[in-house]
Protein backbone atom coordinates (compact mmCIF):
# COMPACT_ATOMS: atom_id res chain seq x y z
CA MET A 1 -13.36 269.36 140.21
CA ARG A 2 -15.72 272.22 140.96
CA ALA A 3 -15.70 275.62 139.34
CA ARG A 4 -17.54 278.93 139.29
CA ILE A 5 -18.48 280.81 136.13
CA LEU A 6 -18.81 284.55 136.64
CA ARG A 7 -18.41 287.96 135.12
CA PRO A 8 -15.78 289.98 136.98
CA PRO A 9 -16.77 293.35 138.43
CA LYS A 10 -15.30 296.61 137.19
CA PRO A 11 -11.98 297.32 138.88
CA ALA A 12 -12.11 300.21 141.34
CA THR A 13 -8.86 301.66 140.00
CA GLN A 14 -10.05 301.86 136.39
CA SER A 15 -12.98 303.67 134.82
CA GLY A 16 -13.35 301.39 131.80
CA ARG A 17 -15.55 298.30 131.63
CA ALA A 18 -13.51 296.26 129.10
CA VAL A 19 -12.57 293.66 131.75
CA THR A 20 -16.23 292.95 132.50
CA ARG A 21 -17.16 291.70 129.02
CA ASP A 22 -15.72 288.18 129.26
CA TRP A 23 -16.91 285.29 131.40
CA ILE A 24 -14.33 283.65 133.67
CA LEU A 25 -14.18 280.04 134.83
CA VAL A 26 -12.49 279.89 138.25
CA PHE A 27 -11.68 276.58 139.92
CA GLU A 28 -12.48 276.07 143.59
CA PRO A 29 -9.58 274.91 145.78
CA SER A 30 -9.41 271.18 146.41
CA GLU A 31 -7.38 271.56 149.61
CA PRO A 32 -7.18 274.31 152.24
CA ARG A 33 -4.43 276.91 152.27
CA ARG A 34 -1.88 276.62 155.05
CA PRO A 35 0.99 278.75 156.33
CA ASP A 36 4.48 277.76 155.26
CA PRO A 37 6.48 276.78 158.38
CA LEU A 38 9.70 278.46 157.21
CA MET A 39 8.56 281.79 155.77
CA GLY A 40 5.02 282.07 157.15
CA TRP A 41 3.51 282.72 153.73
CA THR A 42 0.13 281.21 152.96
CA SER A 43 0.42 278.53 150.31
CA SER A 44 -1.34 275.55 148.84
CA GLY A 45 -0.35 272.51 146.82
CA ASP A 46 -3.29 273.11 144.47
CA THR A 47 -1.96 275.32 141.67
CA VAL A 48 -5.07 274.95 139.52
CA ALA A 49 -7.29 276.85 141.95
CA SER A 50 -4.83 279.65 142.65
CA GLN A 51 -3.31 280.21 139.21
CA VAL A 52 -5.72 279.09 136.48
CA ARG A 53 -8.51 281.40 135.30
CA LEU A 54 -10.05 280.67 131.92
CA ARG A 55 -11.69 283.47 129.91
CA PHE A 56 -14.59 282.91 127.51
CA PRO A 57 -16.45 285.40 125.29
CA THR A 58 -19.90 284.04 126.22
CA LEU A 59 -21.57 282.16 129.06
CA GLU A 60 -22.53 279.37 126.66
CA ALA A 61 -18.87 278.83 125.69
CA ALA A 62 -17.84 278.57 129.34
CA GLU A 63 -20.63 276.11 130.09
CA ALA A 64 -19.75 274.03 127.02
CA TYR A 65 -16.11 273.84 128.13
CA ALA A 66 -17.08 272.74 131.63
CA LYS A 67 -19.47 270.08 130.31
CA ALA A 68 -16.92 268.79 127.79
CA HIS A 69 -14.27 268.36 130.49
CA GLY A 70 -16.59 266.94 133.18
CA ILE A 71 -16.31 269.92 135.51
CA THR A 72 -19.23 270.60 137.83
CA TYR A 73 -19.91 274.32 137.80
CA GLU A 74 -22.09 277.00 139.30
CA VAL A 75 -22.99 280.21 137.48
CA GLU A 76 -22.94 283.38 139.56
CA PRO A 77 -25.62 285.86 138.49
CA VAL A 78 -24.57 289.17 137.00
CA GLN A 79 -25.18 292.09 139.32
CA ALA A 80 -26.32 295.27 137.63
CA PRO A 81 -24.37 298.35 138.71
CA THR A 82 -26.30 300.59 141.05
CA LEU A 83 -25.44 304.07 139.86
CA LYS A 84 -27.31 307.10 141.09
CA PRO A 85 -27.10 309.92 138.55
CA LYS A 86 -25.77 313.08 140.11
CA ALA A 87 -25.59 316.66 138.98
CA TYR A 88 -23.47 319.52 140.25
CA ALA A 89 -26.63 321.61 140.67
CA ASP A 90 -27.85 319.16 143.36
CA ASN A 91 -25.21 320.63 145.71
CA PHE A 92 -27.18 323.90 145.76
CA ARG A 93 -30.72 322.50 145.62
CA TYR A 94 -33.30 323.98 148.00
CA GLY A 95 -34.44 321.52 150.65
CA ARG A 96 -31.51 319.13 150.29
CA ILE A 97 -31.28 316.48 153.01
CA GLU A 98 -27.48 316.21 153.32
CA ASN A 99 -25.40 318.69 155.30
CA TRP A 100 -23.62 321.49 153.50
CA THR A 101 -20.02 320.37 152.95
CA HIS A 102 -18.24 323.50 151.69
């Protein structure tokens, strides 16, 4: 079995970052997904990859679990958020590059 260990990104619908604290171990699918002939829904016989996500408080705990259970894993690097600080006064700044929007 192969797995990925990652930190999930902040959800776009929420402003909080509580979901991004834990590390998640996600299994990679062992077989491809295929359409169901009767309903047309996409399905797979591999329930581990589609339904199991393990949460760990630290990266070391996730790696220890994977090593203890013989799971080959790959750690995805954490991407720092790219936030550009903005101020309301920048809308009226002299010499601004963007077009006036109001």
